Amino acid sequence: NKINEARTAYYNGTEIISDDEFDALVYELSALDPNNQLLLKVGADPSTEWKKEKHLYPLGSLNKVNFPNEMDKWVSENLQNKETIVIEKLDGLSIGCQYEDGKLVKACLRGNGLEGEDILQNVLKMHGAKKSLSNNFSGLIRGEIVLTKTNHQLYFNTYSNPRNAASGLCRKLDGEGSEHLTLMMYDVMSENVFSFEKDKLQWLVDNKFIVPNFYVCKSSYEINDLWKSYQDKTRASLDYEIDGLVVVCNDCKVQSSLGETNLRPKGKMAYKFANQFVKTIVKNITWTVGNSGRVTPIGWVEPVDILGSRVEKA
């Protein structure tokens, strides 16, 4: 019940517990009941007034690892040490943009992986959205809706974090605020066959989409070195939130041959960052009333720096 409540809240923009608390609940359930169907679920069912549409291709989720030895094992046993592409794991809202003959016709949030809310009219206002392409591409381009740290501070600092703000703003029926959101794309799904994952990303770059940083890695040692570098400094230097890296088998044919289980491909893996903590002192607590009427306590703390940001309230 706790997992269901937290998942529904998270995917509909009203996060009630942290990612770490949620992961802990999932680990606990997997120990108590390894075959529980809830462990196989992707996303959450759409619950807003937007029209629901089926995705052209399913928008699945990823299995996760948290430690270098786990990544070593996965690359060795699953990928047989083949070359990988490592992409920043954006902390936003997953979306699939459907094109027909080069024209953008749908833009659906992931929802439950099979269908989601079509928020096309808001997506068209976002930075990085492409209403049409110079070629006759037909298929689905997957990415994330993100709110940059800069725009979060400038326009929406009443929201606790950029992801929550993006989740609420992108669903507003009047579209207000969508012009401050950014669309970043990282996958191409179509009948056109790409030989390598890098080819997909280059195609996105060539078609002027905003693409997260990506790297070619020859070994798990290189992946782990990159992961550490991101944790130590790169992550904090970005103007958008990421919560890990995504490691993908570069050879699309090999990746496809590995298959998937419950919409989770075996040729891709989320490599989560270690938790970030700092100690501080609570100085005061105030109460705020949000747009929905929900009353939320704000803890004012002795200012501290974490992940490149100065934090004084939580």
Protein backbone atom coordinates (compact mmCIF):
# COMPACT_ATOMS: atom_id res chain seq x y z
CA ASN A 1 0.00 0.00 0.00
CA LYS A 2 2.86 2.40 0.82
CA ILE A 3 4.56 1.67 -2.51
CA ASN A 4 1.32 2.16 -4.47
CA GLU A 5 0.59 5.45 -2.72
CA ALA A 6 4.13 6.77 -3.22
CA ARG A 7 4.31 5.67 -6.88
CA THR A 8 0.97 7.28 -7.77
CA ALA A 9 1.98 10.52 -6.03
CA TYR A 10 5.42 10.59 -7.68
CA TYR A 11 4.21 10.08 -11.24
CA ASN A 12 1.43 12.62 -10.82
CA GLY A 13 3.59 15.40 -9.43
CA THR A 14 3.01 15.30 -5.66
CA GLU A 15 6.03 13.42 -4.33
CA ILE A 16 5.46 12.33 -0.71
CA ILE A 17 8.69 10.43 0.06
CA SER A 18 12.26 10.57 -1.27
CA ASP A 19 13.67 8.22 -3.93
CA ASP A 20 15.81 6.57 -1.26
CA GLU A 21 12.80 5.88 0.98
CA PHE A 22 10.89 4.49 -1.99
CA ASP A 23 13.78 2.22 -3.02
CA ALA A 24 14.00 0.96 0.57
CA LEU A 25 10.31 -0.02 0.47
CA VAL A 26 10.81 -1.86 -2.83
CA TYR A 27 13.84 -3.74 -1.46
CA GLU A 28 11.84 -4.69 1.63
CA LEU A 29 8.93 -6.00 -0.46
CA SER A 30 11.29 -7.96 -2.73
CA ALA A 31 12.71 -9.70 0.36
CA LEU A 32 9.26 -10.42 1.82
CA ASP A 33 7.58 -11.46 -1.44
CA PRO A 34 9.96 -11.78 -4.44
CA ASN A 35 7.11 -12.66 -6.84
CA ASN A 36 4.84 -9.78 -5.91
CA GLN A 37 3.31 -8.31 -9.08
CA LEU A 38 3.88 -4.78 -7.78
CA LEU A 39 7.62 -5.26 -8.27
CA LEU A 40 7.00 -5.66 -12.01
CA LYS A 41 4.89 -2.53 -12.48
CA VAL A 42 6.11 0.41 -14.57
CA GLY A 43 5.12 4.02 -13.81
CA ALA A 44 1.56 4.72 -12.68
CA ASP A 45 -1.82 4.99 -14.35
CA PRO A 46 -2.61 8.50 -15.69
CA SER A 47 -4.93 10.41 -13.38
CA THR A 48 -5.44 13.88 -14.89
CA GLU A 49 -7.98 15.48 -17.21
CA TRP A 50 -5.75 15.15 -20.27
CA LYS A 51 -6.80 12.64 -22.93
CA LYS A 52 -5.05 9.29 -22.61
CA GLU A 53 -3.40 7.83 -25.71
CA LYS A 54 -1.61 4.55 -26.38
CA HIS A 55 2.11 4.78 -27.07
CA LEU A 56 3.32 3.73 -30.50
CA TYR A 57 5.97 1.66 -28.69
CA PRO A 58 5.93 0.79 -24.97
CA LEU A 59 7.86 3.18 -22.74
CA GLY A 60 9.46 0.84 -20.23
CA SER A 61 11.59 1.28 -17.15
CA LEU A 62 15.09 0.18 -16.15
CA ASN A 63 16.62 -2.19 -13.65
CA LYS A 64 19.08 -0.50 -11.28
CA VAL A 65 22.49 -1.05 -9.77
CA ASN A 66 24.08 1.10 -7.06
CA PHE A 67 27.68 -0.07 -6.70
CA PRO A 68 30.74 -0.58 -8.96
CA ASN A 69 30.95 -4.32 -8.29
CA GLU A 70 27.33 -4.69 -9.45
CA MET A 71 28.13 -2.82 -12.67
CA ASP A 72 31.23 -5.01 -13.22
CA LYS A 73 29.09 -8.12 -12.88
CA TRP A 74 26.33 -6.88 -15.20
CA VAL A 75 28.73 -5.82 -17.97
CA SER A 76 30.63 -9.10 -17.70
CA GLU A 77 27.71 -11.52 -17.43
CA ASN A 78 24.97 -9.81 -19.44
CA LEU A 79 26.90 -7.88 -22.07
CA GLN A 80 29.93 -10.16 -22.31
CA ASN A 81 32.08 -7.01 -21.90
CA LYS A 82 30.82 -5.42 -25.11
CA GLU A 83 31.11 -1.68 -25.79
CA THR A 84 28.54 0.54 -24.06
CA ILE A 85 27.07 4.00 -24.36
CA VAL A 86 26.68 5.89 -21.09
CA ILE A 87 24.04 8.64 -20.97
CA GLU A 88 23.08 11.01 -18.18
CA LYS A 89 19.95 9.75 -16.38
CA LEU A 90 17.71 12.81 -16.38
CA ASP A 91 15.54 13.42 -13.32
CA GLY A 92 12.44 14.61 -15.16
CA LEU A 93 9.23 13.26 -16.64
CA SER A 94 9.50 10.59 -19.31
CA ILE A 95 7.68 11.40 -22.54
CA GLY A 96 7.24 9.88 -25.99
CA CYS A 97 6.89 12.25 -28.96
CA GLN A 98 5.22 10.56 -31.94
CA TYR A 99 5.99 11.73 -35.47
CA GLU A 100 4.22 10.88 -38.72
CA ASP A 101 6.00 11.81 -41.94
CA GLY A 102 8.10 14.34 -40.07
CA LYS A 103 5.19 15.99 -38.22
CA LEU A 104 4.74 15.86 -34.44
CA VAL A 105 1.25 14.43 -33.83
CA LYS A 106 1.31 13.27 -30.17
CA ALA A 107 3.39 13.93 -27.06
CA CYS A 108 2.39 11.51 -24.30
CA LEU A 109 3.75 11.20 -20.77
CA ARG A 110 4.86 7.66 -19.91
CA GLY A 111 1.90 6.87 -17.64
CA ASN A 112 1.85 3.10 -17.09
CA GLY A 113 4.24 2.46 -19.99
CA LEU A 114 1.49 1.52 -22.45
CA GLU A 115 -0.57 4.71 -22.39
CA GLY A 116 -0.24 8.21 -20.99
CA GLU A 117 -1.63 11.75 -21.10
CA ASP A 118 -1.23 13.49 -24.46
CA ILE A 119 0.03 16.98 -23.52
CA LEU A 120 1.00 17.99 -27.07
CA GLN A 121 -0.27 21.59 -26.79
CA ASN A 122 2.02 22.21 -23.79
CA VAL A 123 5.01 20.38 -25.28
CA LEU A 124 4.92 22.65 -28.34
CA LYS A 125 5.71 25.60 -26.03
CA MET A 126 8.76 23.92 -24.48
CA HIS A 127 12.37 24.73 -25.25
CA GLY A 128 13.75 22.04 -27.56
CA ALA A 129 10.41 20.87 -28.97
CA LYS A 130 10.45 20.15 -32.72
CA LYS A 131 7.06 20.59 -34.41
CA SER A 132 8.41 19.15 -37.64
CA LEU A 133 11.55 17.49 -38.97
CA SER A 134 13.29 18.11 -42.27
CA ASN A 135 12.99 14.39 -43.12
CA ASN A 136 9.91 12.15 -43.30
CA PHE A 137 10.61 10.34 -40.04
CA SER A 138 7.78 8.26 -38.59
CA GLY A 139 8.14 6.76 -35.13
CA LEU A 140 8.57 7.63 -31.47
CA ILE A 141 11.29 9.80 -29.97
CA ARG A 142 11.68 9.35 -26.23
CA GLY A 143 13.02 11.88 -23.78
CA GLU A 144 12.38 13.80 -20.57
CA ILE A 145 10.71 17.04 -19.63
CA VAL A 146 13.04 18.89 -17.28
CA LEU A 147 13.10 22.22 -15.49
CA THR A 148 16.59 23.68 -15.34
CA LYS A 149 18.01 24.70 -11.99
CA THR A 150 18.21 28.28 -13.26
CA ASN A 151 14.53 28.43 -14.23
CA HIS A 152 13.54 26.70 -11.00
CA GLN A 153 15.18 29.48 -8.98
CA LEU A 154 13.98 32.27 -11.28
CA TYR A 155 10.33 31.32 -11.71
CA PHE A 156 9.23 28.40 -9.54
CA ASN A 157 11.25 28.34 -6.32
CA THR A 158 8.09 27.69 -4.28
CA TYR A 159 8.28 24.11 -5.57
CA SER A 160 10.51 21.86 -3.47
CA ASN A 161 12.55 20.67 -6.46
CA PRO A 162 12.70 21.02 -10.27
CA ARG A 163 11.10 17.65 -10.98
CA ASN A 164 8.00 18.35 -8.90
CA ALA A 165 7.67 21.73 -10.57
CA ALA A 166 8.00 20.23 -14.06
CA SER A 167 5.41 17.57 -13.23
CA GLY A 168 2.84 20.14 -12.18
CA LEU A 169 3.59 22.69 -14.89
CA CYS A 170 3.54 20.35 -17.88
CA ARG A 171 0.02 19.18 -16.93
CA LYS A 172 -1.53 22.64 -16.50
CA LEU A 173 -4.56 22.84 -18.80
CA ASP A 174 -3.85 26.49 -19.64
CA GLY A 175 -0.22 25.68 -20.49
CA GLU A 176 1.11 28.48 -18.29
CA GLY A 177 4.74 27.89 -17.38
CA SER A 178 5.45 25.32 -20.10
CA GLU A 179 7.60 27.87 -21.93
CA HIS A 180 10.12 27.56 -19.08
CA LEU A 181 10.40 23.76 -19.43
CA THR A 182 12.97 21.96 -21.59
CA LEU A 183 12.61 18.82 -23.68
CA MET A 184 15.72 16.59 -23.80
CA MET A 185 15.68 13.48 -26.02
CA TYR A 186 17.73 10.28 -25.85
CA ASP A 187 16.09 7.41 -27.77
CA VAL A 188 14.60 6.76 -31.22
CA MET A 189 12.02 4.02 -31.79
CA SER A 190 11.00 3.32 -35.38
CA GLU A 191 11.05 0.78 -38.17
CA ASN A 192 14.29 2.36 -39.35
CA VAL A 193 17.08 0.10 -38.12
CA PHE A 194 20.00 1.67 -36.30
CA SER A 195 23.12 -0.48 -36.00
CA PHE A 196 24.42 1.22 -32.87
CA GLU A 197 22.97 3.19 -29.98
CA LYS A 198 25.46 5.96 -30.75
CA ASP A 199 23.87 6.29 -34.20
CA LYS A 200 20.50 7.09 -32.59
CA LEU A 201 22.00 9.79 -30.41
CA GLN A 202 23.91 11.29 -33.35
CA TRP A 203 20.68 11.30 -35.39
CA LEU A 204 19.00 13.28 -32.60
CA VAL A 205 21.90 15.74 -32.52
CA ASP A 206 21.80 16.11 -36.32
CA ASN A 207 18.06 16.85 -36.15
CA LYS A 208 18.69 19.66 -33.61
CA PHE A 209 17.17 17.98 -30.56
CA ILE A 210 18.63 18.78 -27.14
CA VAL A 211 20.47 15.62 -26.09
CA PRO A 212 21.98 14.83 -22.67
CA ASN A 213 25.73 14.22 -22.55
CA PHE A 214 26.77 10.71 -23.61
CA TYR A 215 30.01 8.72 -23.80
CA VAL A 216 31.41 5.57 -25.39
CA CYS A 217 32.92 3.18 -22.81
CA LYS A 218 34.99 0.11 -23.66
CA SER A 219 34.92 -1.49 -20.21
CA SER A 220 33.18 -1.46 -16.83
CA TYR A 221 36.33 0.20 -15.45
CA GLU A 222 35.68 3.20 -17.72
CA ILE A 223 32.00 3.23 -16.71
CA ASN A 224 32.84 3.19 -13.01
CA ASP A 225 35.46 5.91 -13.46
CA LEU A 226 32.88 8.10 -15.25
CA TRP A 227 30.27 7.39 -12.55
CA LYS A 228 32.70 8.48 -9.81
CA SER A 229 33.66 11.61 -11.74
CA TYR A 230 29.99 12.55 -12.09
CA GLN A 231 29.37 12.02 -8.39
CA ASP A 232 32.42 14.02 -7.33
CA LYS A 233 32.02 17.08 -9.57
CA THR A 234 30.22 16.83 -12.94
CA ARG A 235 26.72 16.34 -11.55
CA ALA A 236 26.85 19.54 -9.50
CA SER A 237 28.06 21.55 -12.51
CA LEU A 238 25.01 20.75 -14.66
CA ASP A 239 22.06 23.14 -14.92
CA TYR A 240 19.60 20.23 -14.83
CA GLU A 241 19.06 17.44 -12.33
CA ILE A 242 20.28 13.90 -12.94
CA ASP A 243 20.05 10.99 -10.52
CA GLY A 244 22.46 8.58 -12.17
CA LEU A 245 23.74 7.34 -15.50
CA VAL A 246 22.15 4.96 -18.00
CA VAL A 247 24.44 2.27 -19.41
CA VAL A 248 23.36 0.77 -22.75
CA CYS A 249 24.84 -1.95 -24.94
CA ASN A 250 26.03 0.00 -28.01
CA ASP A 251 25.32 -2.82 -30.49
CA CYS A 252 21.56 -2.57 -31.10
CA LYS A 253 21.31 -6.11 -32.49
CA VAL A 254 22.98 -7.60 -29.40
CA GLN A 255 20.87 -5.34 -27.16
CA SER A 256 17.67 -6.53 -28.84
CA SER A 257 18.72 -10.20 -28.62
CA LEU A 258 18.97 -9.91 -24.82
CA GLY A 259 15.24 -9.23 -24.65
CA GLU A 260 13.33 -7.71 -21.76
CA THR A 261 11.29 -8.71 -18.73
CA ASN A 262 8.22 -6.72 -17.67
CA LEU A 263 9.12 -3.74 -19.90
CA ARG A 264 12.65 -3.65 -18.47
CA PRO A 265 15.28 -4.29 -21.18
CA LYS A 266 18.20 -6.54 -20.23
CA GLY A 267 20.60 -4.61 -22.43
CA LYS A 268 20.20 -1.36 -20.46
CA MET A 269 20.87 -0.53 -16.82
CA ALA A 270 20.36 2.51 -14.58
CA TYR A 271 23.46 3.24 -12.50
CA LYS A 272 22.21 5.28 -9.55
CA PHE A 273 24.38 7.73 -7.65
CA ALA A 274 25.22 7.29 -3.99
CA ASN A 275 23.05 9.30 -1.61
CA GLN A 276 24.18 12.84 -0.82
CA PHE A 277 23.94 13.98 2.80
CA VAL A 278 25.03 17.00 4.78
CA LYS A 279 24.42 17.88 8.44
CA THR A 280 22.83 21.15 9.45
CA ILE A 281 20.61 22.64 12.17
CA VAL A 282 16.87 23.36 11.96
CA LYS A 283 16.37 27.02 12.89
CA ASN A 284 12.62 27.40 12.40
CA ILE A 285 9.49 25.75 10.95
CA THR A 286 6.82 27.63 8.97
CA TRP A 287 3.67 26.40 7.20
CA THR A 288 2.57 27.06 3.63
CA VAL A 289 -0.65 26.35 1.74
CA GLY A 290 -0.21 25.08 -1.81
CA ASN A 291 -2.52 25.57 -4.81
CA SER A 292 -4.39 22.39 -3.92
CA GLY A 293 -5.00 23.56 -0.36
CA ARG A 294 -2.49 21.11 1.08
CA VAL A 295 -0.63 22.47 4.13
CA THR A 296 3.11 21.79 4.09
CA PRO A 297 5.72 22.44 6.79
CA ILE A 298 8.93 24.18 5.70
CA GLY A 299 12.04 23.51 7.77
CA TRP A 300 14.43 26.50 7.72
CA VAL A 301 18.00 25.36 8.32
CA GLU A 302 21.46 26.81 8.74
CA PRO A 303 22.43 27.28 5.03
CA VAL A 304 24.54 24.47 3.55
CA ASP A 305 25.98 23.63 0.11
CA ILE A 306 24.96 20.34 -1.51
CA LEU A 307 25.29 19.30 -5.17
CA GLY A 308 26.33 22.83 -6.08
CA SER A 309 23.26 24.47 -4.55
CA ARG A 310 22.91 26.65 -1.47
CA VAL A 311 20.11 25.13 0.63
CA GLU A 312 18.38 26.95 3.47
CA LYS A 313 14.98 25.27 3.60
CA ALA A 314 13.48 21.82 3.10
